Structures are given as structure tokens and as C-alpha cells.
Amino acid sequence: MKLDGLVSLVTGGAQGIGAAIGGALHAEGASVVLADIEPADEVAKELGERASAVSLDVRDKASVEEAFAQAVARFGRVDILVNNAARIVTGSVWEISPEEWDDVLAVNARGAFFPCRVAGAHMRENGWGRIVNVTSLAGQAGGLVGGVHYSASKAALIVLTKVFAQALAKDGVTVNAIAPAAIESRALDALPEERRKEIAESIPVGRLGRADEVGAAVVYLASREAGYITGATLDLNGGLLMR
């Protein structure tokens, strides 16, 4: 197994893509801590041995530090951090309130910054680590579903990835991002069926992506074999953005 003996923490791990990422890491041998503002105990229970759940509000620095401390207390260390927690909100640029703007940026951008800093310091001391940030096509070219605040936060996450990659490159720690687009999820499920069909038809490969495909990409970037990749953003978009 690619990740045998490693310990991972996944933010936003209680459902959807986060739960799929946790499952993929676990299947490859990693111990998994599912950290979420929503209860993730059932997901951890389904995974079984080597899995646990902790409460985490990524907007709160103290909550981040406490969740990380609990993970270390449970498994001894954290080797892999996946920043997956996100808030996606639709809406016109003319309708976004200051409060909504601030909260989307707090969850999606600040909510990755503090976990990167806490985990990065821990991994640097250990001389090895992997950080994977879940950004989006929205951060590269605007969004299919989310509003401008979602797109802006995901663009910030791409830059954050590069900054931490540079800061940790000599310490055995890699920092990369994945940029999914049109993945089958709760956000897309909320769209009318006709709109979902339009999105699928606009994708060169002719279908929506799957959460397990996102999990597989995270597994590779978290693996020992990916040590020569850092500061990169891996596209998972079915060909919507080719570069």
C-alpha cells in the first residue's frame, strides 16, 4: 500500500469529497483523522481501524491547533494534511453581502492557511510531510457553480500552495494542490437536472467527475513517490481547462 504507516488529517472529512479522500487514504494504508465542523464519527466508524473523527472549525485558529493536537495524541504525528473544507455559495456579484464574502474567504482561504502553518511546522520538525490543498477550476478560470467569492478564495489557495511549497521545500515537505471541476457532489446535486446535463455535455470527456477520482489524485500527491513534485496544481477537470 502506498501510504502504509503514514498518518493523515483531512479537513471537511464528514461527507462528500472529503469523506472520499479519507477513504482513499485509508485504503492505501494511512491512518485517517476526519476533521470537520459537522460530526464525522459515522464516516470514521465505517472506515474502522486506523480512523477517528475530531471537531474542527477551520475559521478558528485555536480550533485548528486543538484538532491537530488531538490527531497527534491519537496517532503520534501527522504526515499528511489535506485541506478540503470549503464553503461554496452561488449568486450574482451584485448580491453578495460583506458578511457572506468574509465567511467564504474565511473558510476557503484562511481555513487552509492556519492548517498549513500548524502542520508545516510539525512536518518540518519531522523532516517529512505532504500537504495537499483542494482548490478548484473556479480559482483558475472562474466557476461553473460558485460565486466570485468562491472563485477568489480558490485562487488564493493556489498562491498559498506555492508560498508554503517554497517555504518547506528544503525540509522534506511537499505542498501541492488539486483543482477539480464538476465533480458529482452536494453542490451539483442541488442544480436542476437540465443544468447538470449542460455541464456534463460541456466537458470534453463527456461526463461529470467522481469523488473517488479526486481521492486517487490526493493519494498520489501524498505518497512517498511524489517527492519531486511541489508547488504544483494538478487539474482534474475532464479537459475543461487544458494548459
C-alpha atoms as a PDB file:
ATOM      1  CA  MET A   1       0.000   0.000   0.000  1.00  0.00           C
ATOM      2  CA  LYS A   2       1.329   3.436  -0.975  1.00  0.00           C
ATOM      3  CA  LEU A   3       0.691   5.085   2.383  1.00  0.00           C
ATOM      4  CA  ASP A   4       1.308   2.236   4.790  1.00  0.00           C
ATOM      5  CA  GLY A   5       2.284   3.560   8.214  1.00  0.00           C
ATOM      6  CA  LEU A   6       1.541   7.223   7.485  1.00  0.00           C
ATOM      7  CA  VAL A   7      -0.936   9.415   9.377  1.00  0.00           C
ATOM      8  CA  SER A   8      -3.289  11.814   7.610  1.00  0.00           C
ATOM      9  CA  LEU A   9      -5.701  14.577   8.595  1.00  0.00           C
ATOM     10  CA  VAL A  10      -8.487  15.612   6.212  1.00  0.00           C
ATOM     11  CA  THR A  11     -10.461  18.794   6.819  1.00  0.00           C
ATOM     12  CA  GLY A  12     -14.084  18.736   5.730  1.00  0.00           C
ATOM     13  CA  GLY A  13     -13.965  14.963   6.018  1.00  0.00           C
ATOM     14  CA  ALA A  14     -17.516  14.304   7.211  1.00  0.00           C
ATOM     15  CA  GLN A  15     -19.092  13.912   3.787  1.00  0.00           C
ATOM     16  CA  GLY A  16     -18.764  14.128   0.016  1.00  0.00           C
ATOM     17  CA  ILE A  17     -15.344  14.656  -1.495  1.00  0.00           C
ATOM     18  CA  GLY A  18     -13.698  14.897   1.940  1.00  0.00           C
ATOM     19  CA  ALA A  19     -15.076  11.527   3.008  1.00  0.00           C
ATOM     20  CA  ALA A  20     -13.964  10.030  -0.321  1.00  0.00           C
ATOM     21  CA  ILE A  21     -10.457  11.402   0.178  1.00  0.00           C
ATOM     22  CA  GLY A  22     -10.349   9.961   3.680  1.00  0.00           C
ATOM     23  CA  GLY A  23     -11.493   6.599   2.346  1.00  0.00           C
ATOM     24  CA  ALA A  24      -8.859   6.597  -0.391  1.00  0.00           C
ATOM     25  CA  LEU A  25      -6.058   7.417   2.047  1.00  0.00           C
ATOM     26  CA  HIS A  26      -7.282   4.746   4.447  1.00  0.00           C
ATOM     27  CA  ALA A  27      -7.491   2.129   1.688  1.00  0.00           C
ATOM     28  CA  GLU A  28      -3.829   2.755   0.901  1.00  0.00           C
ATOM     29  CA  GLY A  29      -2.776   2.085   4.481  1.00  0.00           C
ATOM     30  CA  ALA A  30      -2.815   5.517   6.116  1.00  0.00           C
ATOM     31  CA  SER A  31      -4.360   6.249   9.470  1.00  0.00           C
ATOM     32  CA  VAL A  32      -7.015   8.924   8.935  1.00  0.00           C
ATOM     33  CA  VAL A  33      -8.311  11.729  11.124  1.00  0.00           C
ATOM     34  CA  LEU A  34     -11.506  13.206   9.701  1.00  0.00           C
ATOM     35  CA  ALA A  35     -11.785  16.799  10.914  1.00  0.00           C
ATOM     36  CA  ASP A  36     -14.996  18.714  10.323  1.00  0.00           C
ATOM     37  CA  ILE A  37     -17.412  21.193  11.863  1.00  0.00           C
ATOM     38  CA  GLU A  38     -20.059  18.523  11.220  1.00  0.00           C
ATOM     39  CA  PRO A  39     -19.830  15.175  13.049  1.00  0.00           C
ATOM     40  CA  ALA A  40     -17.600  12.748  11.140  1.00  0.00           C
ATOM     41  CA  ASP A  41     -17.897   9.868  13.606  1.00  0.00           C
ATOM     42  CA  GLU A  42     -20.049   7.713  11.328  1.00  0.00           C
ATOM     43  CA  VAL A  43     -17.605   8.026   8.443  1.00  0.00           C
ATOM     44  CA  ALA A  44     -14.718   7.111  10.752  1.00  0.00           C
ATOM     45  CA  LYS A  45     -16.704   4.170  12.117  1.00  0.00           C
ATOM     46  CA  GLU A  46     -17.309   2.872   8.600  1.00  0.00           C
ATOM     47  CA  LEU A  47     -13.589   3.034   7.850  1.00  0.00           C
ATOM     48  CA  GLY A  48     -12.888   1.145  11.061  1.00  0.00           C
ATOM     49  CA  GLU A  49      -9.423   0.623  12.453  1.00  0.00           C
ATOM     50  CA  ARG A  50      -6.932   3.477  11.936  1.00  0.00           C
ATOM     51  CA  ALA A  51      -9.686   6.100  11.613  1.00  0.00           C
ATOM     52  CA  SER A  52     -11.003   8.707  14.008  1.00  0.00           C
ATOM     53  CA  ALA A  53     -13.000  11.946  13.932  1.00  0.00           C
ATOM     54  CA  VAL A  54     -12.344  15.325  15.551  1.00  0.00           C
ATOM     55  CA  SER A  55     -14.318  18.552  15.663  1.00  0.00           C
ATOM     56  CA  LEU A  56     -12.818  21.405  13.652  1.00  0.00           C
ATOM     57  CA  ASP A  57     -13.886  24.899  12.638  1.00  0.00           C
ATOM     58  CA  VAL A  58     -11.233  25.898  10.111  1.00  0.00           C
ATOM     59  CA  ARG A  59     -12.106  29.577  10.588  1.00  0.00           C
ATOM     60  CA  ASP A  60     -10.827  29.406  14.169  1.00  0.00           C
ATOM     61  CA  LYS A  61      -7.052  29.214  14.725  1.00  0.00           C
ATOM     62  CA  ALA A  62      -7.493  27.738  18.207  1.00  0.00           C
ATOM     63  CA  SER A  63      -9.806  25.042  16.824  1.00  0.00           C
ATOM     64  CA  VAL A  64      -7.195  24.149  14.197  1.00  0.00           C
ATOM     65  CA  GLU A  65      -4.493  23.813  16.841  1.00  0.00           C
ATOM     66  CA  GLU A  66      -6.714  21.692  19.074  1.00  0.00           C
ATOM     67  CA  ALA A  67      -7.762  19.340  16.252  1.00  0.00           C
ATOM     68  CA  PHE A  68      -4.143  18.883  15.232  1.00  0.00           C
ATOM     69  CA  ALA A  69      -3.119  18.217  18.841  1.00  0.00           C
ATOM     70  CA  GLN A  70      -5.839  15.576  19.119  1.00  0.00           C
ATOM     71  CA  ALA A  71      -4.607  13.893  15.934  1.00  0.00           C
ATOM     72  CA  VAL A  72      -1.038  13.797  17.257  1.00  0.00           C
ATOM     73  CA  ALA A  73      -2.231  12.498  20.613  1.00  0.00           C
ATOM     74  CA  ARG A  74      -4.161   9.704  18.871  1.00  0.00           C
ATOM     75  CA  PHE A  75      -1.576   8.593  16.299  1.00  0.00           C
ATOM     76  CA  GLY A  76       1.714  10.162  17.423  1.00  0.00           C
ATOM     77  CA  ARG A  77       2.218  12.513  14.483  1.00  0.00           C
ATOM     78  CA  VAL A  78       0.654  13.816  11.253  1.00  0.00           C
ATOM     79  CA  ASP A  79       2.418  13.080   7.962  1.00  0.00           C
ATOM     80  CA  ILE A  80      -0.288  14.155   5.502  1.00  0.00           C
ATOM     81  CA  LEU A  81      -2.624  17.160   5.614  1.00  0.00           C
ATOM     82  CA  VAL A  82      -5.459  17.541   3.117  1.00  0.00           C
ATOM     83  CA  ASN A  83      -7.157  20.941   3.190  1.00  0.00           C
ATOM     84  CA  ASN A  84     -10.536  20.080   1.735  1.00  0.00           C
ATOM     85  CA  ALA A  85     -13.004  22.078   3.868  1.00  0.00           C
ATOM     86  CA  ALA A  86     -14.855  24.625   1.751  1.00  0.00           C
ATOM     87  CA  ARG A  87     -17.968  26.729   1.515  1.00  0.00           C
ATOM     88  CA  ILE A  88     -19.500  27.147  -1.935  1.00  0.00           C
ATOM     89  CA  VAL A  89     -22.170  29.794  -2.476  1.00  0.00           C
ATOM     90  CA  THR A  90     -23.825  30.769  -5.732  1.00  0.00           C
ATOM     91  CA  GLY A  91     -25.026  34.257  -6.543  1.00  0.00           C
ATOM     92  CA  SER A  92     -24.525  37.366  -8.605  1.00  0.00           C
ATOM     93  CA  VAL A  93     -21.629  39.720  -7.927  1.00  0.00           C
ATOM     94  CA  TRP A  94     -24.272  42.360  -7.240  1.00  0.00           C
ATOM     95  CA  GLU A  95     -25.899  40.394  -4.425  1.00  0.00           C
ATOM     96  CA  ILE A  96     -23.023  39.229  -2.189  1.00  0.00           C
ATOM     97  CA  SER A  97     -23.151  40.767   1.274  1.00  0.00           C
ATOM     98  CA  PRO A  98     -19.975  41.769   3.151  1.00  0.00           C
ATOM     99  CA  GLU A  99     -20.699  39.059   5.729  1.00  0.00           C
ATOM    100  CA  GLU A 100     -21.048  36.339   3.083  1.00  0.00           C
ATOM    101  CA  TRP A 101     -17.868  37.465   1.316  1.00  0.00           C
ATOM    102  CA  ASP A 102     -15.896  37.391   4.568  1.00  0.00           C
ATOM    103  CA  ASP A 103     -17.170  33.959   5.615  1.00  0.00           C
ATOM    104  CA  VAL A 104     -16.467  32.283   2.252  1.00  0.00           C
ATOM    105  CA  LEU A 105     -12.914  33.656   2.303  1.00  0.00           C
ATOM    106  CA  ALA A 106     -12.549  32.663   5.969  1.00  0.00           C
ATOM    107  CA  VAL A 107     -13.481  29.032   5.306  1.00  0.00           C
ATOM    108  CA  ASN A 108     -11.777  28.534   1.960  1.00  0.00           C
ATOM    109  CA  ALA A 109      -8.594  30.610   2.260  1.00  0.00           C
ATOM    110  CA  ARG A 110      -7.870  31.373   5.915  1.00  0.00           C
ATOM    111  CA  GLY A 111      -9.232  27.902   6.671  1.00  0.00           C
ATOM    112  CA  ALA A 112      -6.292  26.414   4.760  1.00  0.00           C
ATOM    113  CA  PHE A 113      -3.654  28.917   5.872  1.00  0.00           C
ATOM    114  CA  PHE A 114      -3.637  28.023   9.561  1.00  0.00           C
ATOM    115  CA  PRO A 115      -3.726  24.235   8.994  1.00  0.00           C
ATOM    116  CA  CYS A 116      -0.800  24.634   6.550  1.00  0.00           C
ATOM    117  CA  ARG A 117       1.145  26.597   9.135  1.00  0.00           C
ATOM    118  CA  VAL A 118       0.449  24.258  12.044  1.00  0.00           C
ATOM    119  CA  ALA A 119       1.072  21.096  10.000  1.00  0.00           C
ATOM    120  CA  GLY A 120       4.034  22.604   8.169  1.00  0.00           C
ATOM    121  CA  ALA A 121       5.878  23.382  11.401  1.00  0.00           C
ATOM    122  CA  HIS A 122       5.205  19.861  12.700  1.00  0.00           C
ATOM    123  CA  MET A 123       6.285  18.193   9.450  1.00  0.00           C
ATOM    124  CA  ARG A 124       9.408  20.346   9.208  1.00  0.00           C
ATOM    125  CA  GLU A 125      10.499  19.095  12.626  1.00  0.00           C
ATOM    126  CA  ASN A 126       9.918  15.509  11.474  1.00  0.00           C
ATOM    127  CA  GLY A 127      11.797  16.069   8.211  1.00  0.00           C
ATOM    128  CA  TRP A 128       8.975  14.728   6.029  1.00  0.00           C
ATOM    129  CA  GLY A 129       5.419  15.556   5.091  1.00  0.00           C
ATOM    130  CA  ARG A 130       2.788  16.048   2.427  1.00  0.00           C
ATOM    131  CA  ILE A 131       0.228  18.859   2.208  1.00  0.00           C
ATOM    132  CA  VAL A 132      -2.480  18.737  -0.442  1.00  0.00           C
ATOM    133  CA  ASN A 133      -4.834  21.692  -0.881  1.00  0.00           C
ATOM    134  CA  VAL A 134      -8.147  21.190  -2.681  1.00  0.00           C
ATOM    135  CA  THR A 135      -8.666  24.226  -4.875  1.00  0.00           C
ATOM    136  CA  SER A 136     -10.883  24.351  -7.987  1.00  0.00           C
ATOM    137  CA  LEU A 137     -11.135  25.222 -11.656  1.00  0.00           C
ATOM    138  CA  ALA A 138     -13.033  28.215 -10.280  1.00  0.00           C
ATOM    139  CA  GLY A 139      -9.741  29.539  -8.923  1.00  0.00           C
ATOM    140  CA  GLN A 140      -8.138  29.281 -12.355  1.00  0.00           C
ATOM    141  CA  ALA A 141     -10.832  30.420 -14.764  1.00  0.00           C
ATOM    142  CA  GLY A 142     -13.963  31.343 -12.801  1.00  0.00           C
ATOM    143  CA  GLY A 143     -16.601  28.944 -11.593  1.00  0.00           C
ATOM    144  CA  LEU A 144     -19.374  26.866 -13.123  1.00  0.00           C
ATOM    145  CA  VAL A 145     -21.405  26.960  -9.914  1.00  0.00           C
ATOM    146  CA  GLY A 146     -19.843  29.096  -7.173  1.00  0.00           C
ATOM    147  CA  GLY A 147     -19.897  32.870  -6.952  1.00  0.00           C
ATOM    148  CA  VAL A 148     -16.985  35.267  -7.354  1.00  0.00           C
ATOM    149  CA  HIS A 149     -16.099  34.986  -3.642  1.00  0.00           C
ATOM    150  CA  TYR A 150     -15.701  31.220  -4.049  1.00  0.00           C
ATOM    151  CA  SER A 151     -13.513  31.718  -7.123  1.00  0.00           C
ATOM    152  CA  ALA A 152     -11.407  34.348  -5.371  1.00  0.00           C
ATOM    153  CA  SER A 153     -10.855  32.112  -2.352  1.00  0.00           C
ATOM    154  CA  LYS A 154      -9.781  29.195  -4.525  1.00  0.00           C
ATOM    155  CA  ALA A 155      -7.379  31.417  -6.481  1.00  0.00           C
ATOM    156  CA  ALA A 156      -5.883  32.479  -3.152  1.00  0.00           C
ATOM    157  CA  LEU A 157      -5.404  28.823  -2.250  1.00  0.00           C
ATOM    158  CA  ILE A 158      -3.304  28.226  -5.372  1.00  0.00           C
ATOM    159  CA  VAL A 159      -0.940  31.038  -4.368  1.00  0.00           C
ATOM    160  CA  LEU A 160      -0.925  29.816  -0.758  1.00  0.00           C
ATOM    161  CA  THR A 161       0.188  26.415  -2.052  1.00  0.00           C
ATOM    162  CA  LYS A 162       3.172  27.939  -3.857  1.00  0.00           C
ATOM    163  CA  VAL A 163       4.237  30.033  -0.870  1.00  0.00           C
ATOM    164  CA  PHE A 164       4.213  27.087   1.542  1.00  0.00           C
ATOM    165  CA  ALA A 165       5.867  24.837  -1.048  1.00  0.00           C
ATOM    166  CA  GLN A 166       8.761  27.279  -1.292  1.00  0.00           C
ATOM    167  CA  ALA A 167       8.996  27.671   2.488  1.00  0.00           C
ATOM    168  CA  LEU A 168       9.088  23.914   3.163  1.00  0.00           C
ATOM    169  CA  ALA A 169      10.907  22.570   0.093  1.00  0.00           C
ATOM    170  CA  LYS A 170      14.229  22.008   1.880  1.00  0.00           C
ATOM    171  CA  ASP A 171      12.595  20.285   4.831  1.00  0.00           C
ATOM    172  CA  GLY A 172      11.304  17.171   3.084  1.00  0.00           C
ATOM    173  CA  VAL A 173       7.773  18.563   2.909  1.00  0.00           C
ATOM    174  CA  THR A 174       5.907  18.948  -0.369  1.00  0.00           C
ATOM    175  CA  VAL A 175       2.874  21.205  -0.815  1.00  0.00           C
ATOM    176  CA  ASN A 176       0.629  20.754  -3.827  1.00  0.00           C
ATOM    177  CA  ALA A 177      -2.919  21.475  -4.915  1.00  0.00           C
ATOM    178  CA  ILE A 178      -5.556  19.686  -6.930  1.00  0.00           C
ATOM    179  CA  ALA A 179      -8.114  21.623  -8.949  1.00  0.00           C
ATOM    180  CA  PRO A 180     -11.268  19.581  -9.520  1.00  0.00           C
ATOM    181  CA  ALA A 181     -14.183  20.764 -11.640  1.00  0.00           C
ATOM    182  CA  ALA A 182     -17.729  19.478 -11.999  1.00  0.00           C
ATOM    183  CA  ILE A 183     -17.363  16.626  -9.533  1.00  0.00           C
ATOM    184  CA  GLU A 184     -20.525  14.784  -8.515  1.00  0.00           C
ATOM    185  CA  SER A 185     -21.255  16.369  -5.140  1.00  0.00           C
ATOM    186  CA  ARG A 186     -23.890  18.003  -2.980  1.00  0.00           C
ATOM    187  CA  ALA A 187     -23.334  21.334  -4.753  1.00  0.00           C
ATOM    188  CA  LEU A 188     -24.040  19.850  -8.169  1.00  0.00           C
ATOM    189  CA  ASP A 189     -26.901  17.748  -6.839  1.00  0.00           C
ATOM    190  CA  ALA A 190     -28.641  20.994  -5.900  1.00  0.00           C
ATOM    191  CA  LEU A 191     -28.721  22.114  -9.545  1.00  0.00           C
ATOM    192  CA  PRO A 192     -31.641  21.361 -11.862  1.00  0.00           C
ATOM    193  CA  GLU A 193     -31.161  18.185 -13.875  1.00  0.00           C
ATOM    194  CA  GLU A 194     -31.092  20.147 -17.139  1.00  0.00           C
ATOM    195  CA  ARG A 195     -28.242  22.318 -15.847  1.00  0.00           C
ATOM    196  CA  ARG A 196     -26.306  19.238 -14.727  1.00  0.00           C
ATOM    197  CA  LYS A 197     -26.740  17.782 -18.211  1.00  0.00           C
ATOM    198  CA  GLU A 198     -25.477  21.009 -19.810  1.00  0.00           C
ATOM    199  CA  ILE A 199     -22.375  20.971 -17.631  1.00  0.00           C
ATOM    200  CA  ALA A 200     -21.644  17.321 -18.423  1.00  0.00           C
ATOM    201  CA  GLU A 201     -22.029  17.939 -22.157  1.00  0.00           C
ATOM    202  CA  SER A 202     -19.628  20.898 -21.979  1.00  0.00           C
ATOM    203  CA  ILE A 203     -16.830  18.690 -20.622  1.00  0.00           C
ATOM    204  CA  PRO A 204     -14.572  17.139 -23.300  1.00  0.00           C
ATOM    205  CA  VAL A 205     -14.636  13.684 -21.686  1.00  0.00           C
ATOM    206  CA  GLY A 206     -18.437  13.872 -21.699  1.00  0.00           C
ATOM    207  CA  ARG A 207     -19.279  13.309 -18.034  1.00  0.00           C
ATOM    208  CA  LEU A 208     -19.028  14.666 -14.507  1.00  0.00           C
ATOM    209  CA  GLY A 209     -16.082  13.671 -12.357  1.00  0.00           C
ATOM    210  CA  ARG A 210     -16.299  11.312  -9.392  1.00  0.00           C
ATOM    211  CA  ALA A 211     -15.189  11.814  -5.819  1.00  0.00           C
ATOM    212  CA  ASP A 212     -13.087   8.644  -5.922  1.00  0.00           C
ATOM    213  CA  GLU A 213     -11.082  10.153  -8.789  1.00  0.00           C
ATOM    214  CA  VAL A 214     -10.275  13.114  -6.569  1.00  0.00           C
ATOM    215  CA  GLY A 215      -9.254  10.700  -3.807  1.00  0.00           C
ATOM    216  CA  ALA A 216      -6.905   8.862  -6.160  1.00  0.00           C
ATOM    217  CA  ALA A 217      -5.155  12.104  -7.107  1.00  0.00           C
ATOM    218  CA  VAL A 218      -4.690  13.006  -3.442  1.00  0.00           C
ATOM    219  CA  VAL A 219      -3.247   9.568  -2.715  1.00  0.00           C
ATOM    220  CA  TYR A 220      -0.568  10.041  -5.372  1.00  0.00           C
ATOM    221  CA  LEU A 221       0.461  13.523  -4.200  1.00  0.00           C
ATOM    222  CA  ALA A 222       0.512  12.251  -0.601  1.00  0.00           C
ATOM    223  CA  SER A 223       2.686   9.260  -1.455  1.00  0.00           C
ATOM    224  CA  ARG A 224       6.385   8.776  -0.983  1.00  0.00           C
ATOM    225  CA  GLU A 225       6.741   8.517  -4.775  1.00  0.00           C
ATOM    226  CA  ALA A 226       5.640  12.143  -5.280  1.00  0.00           C
ATOM    227  CA  GLY A 227       8.613  13.689  -3.506  1.00  0.00           C
ATOM    228  CA  TYR A 228       9.832  15.600  -6.572  1.00  0.00           C
ATOM    229  CA  ILE A 229       6.536  17.430  -7.079  1.00  0.00           C
ATOM    230  CA  THR A 230       5.899  20.583  -5.063  1.00  0.00           C
ATOM    231  CA  GLY A 231       4.154  23.892  -5.683  1.00  0.00           C
ATOM    232  CA  ALA A 232       2.105  22.292  -8.451  1.00  0.00           C
ATOM    233  CA  THR A 233      -1.621  22.341  -9.158  1.00  0.00           C
ATOM    234  CA  LEU A 234      -2.976  19.136 -10.674  1.00  0.00           C
ATOM    235  CA  ASP A 235      -6.053  19.624 -12.872  1.00  0.00           C
ATOM    236  CA  LEU A 236      -8.989  17.207 -12.539  1.00  0.00           C
ATOM    237  CA  ASN A 237     -11.471  18.752 -14.901  1.00  0.00           C
ATOM    238  CA  GLY A 238     -12.172  16.342 -17.740  1.00  0.00           C
ATOM    239  CA  GLY A 239     -10.472  18.683 -20.197  1.00  0.00           C
ATOM    240  CA  LEU A 240     -12.423  21.852 -19.366  1.00  0.00           C
ATOM    241  CA  LEU A 241      -9.141  23.708 -18.935  1.00  0.00           C
ATOM    242  CA  MET A 242      -6.174  22.489 -20.937  1.00  0.00           C
ATOM    243  CA  ARG A 243      -2.778  24.121 -20.464  1.00  0.00           C
END
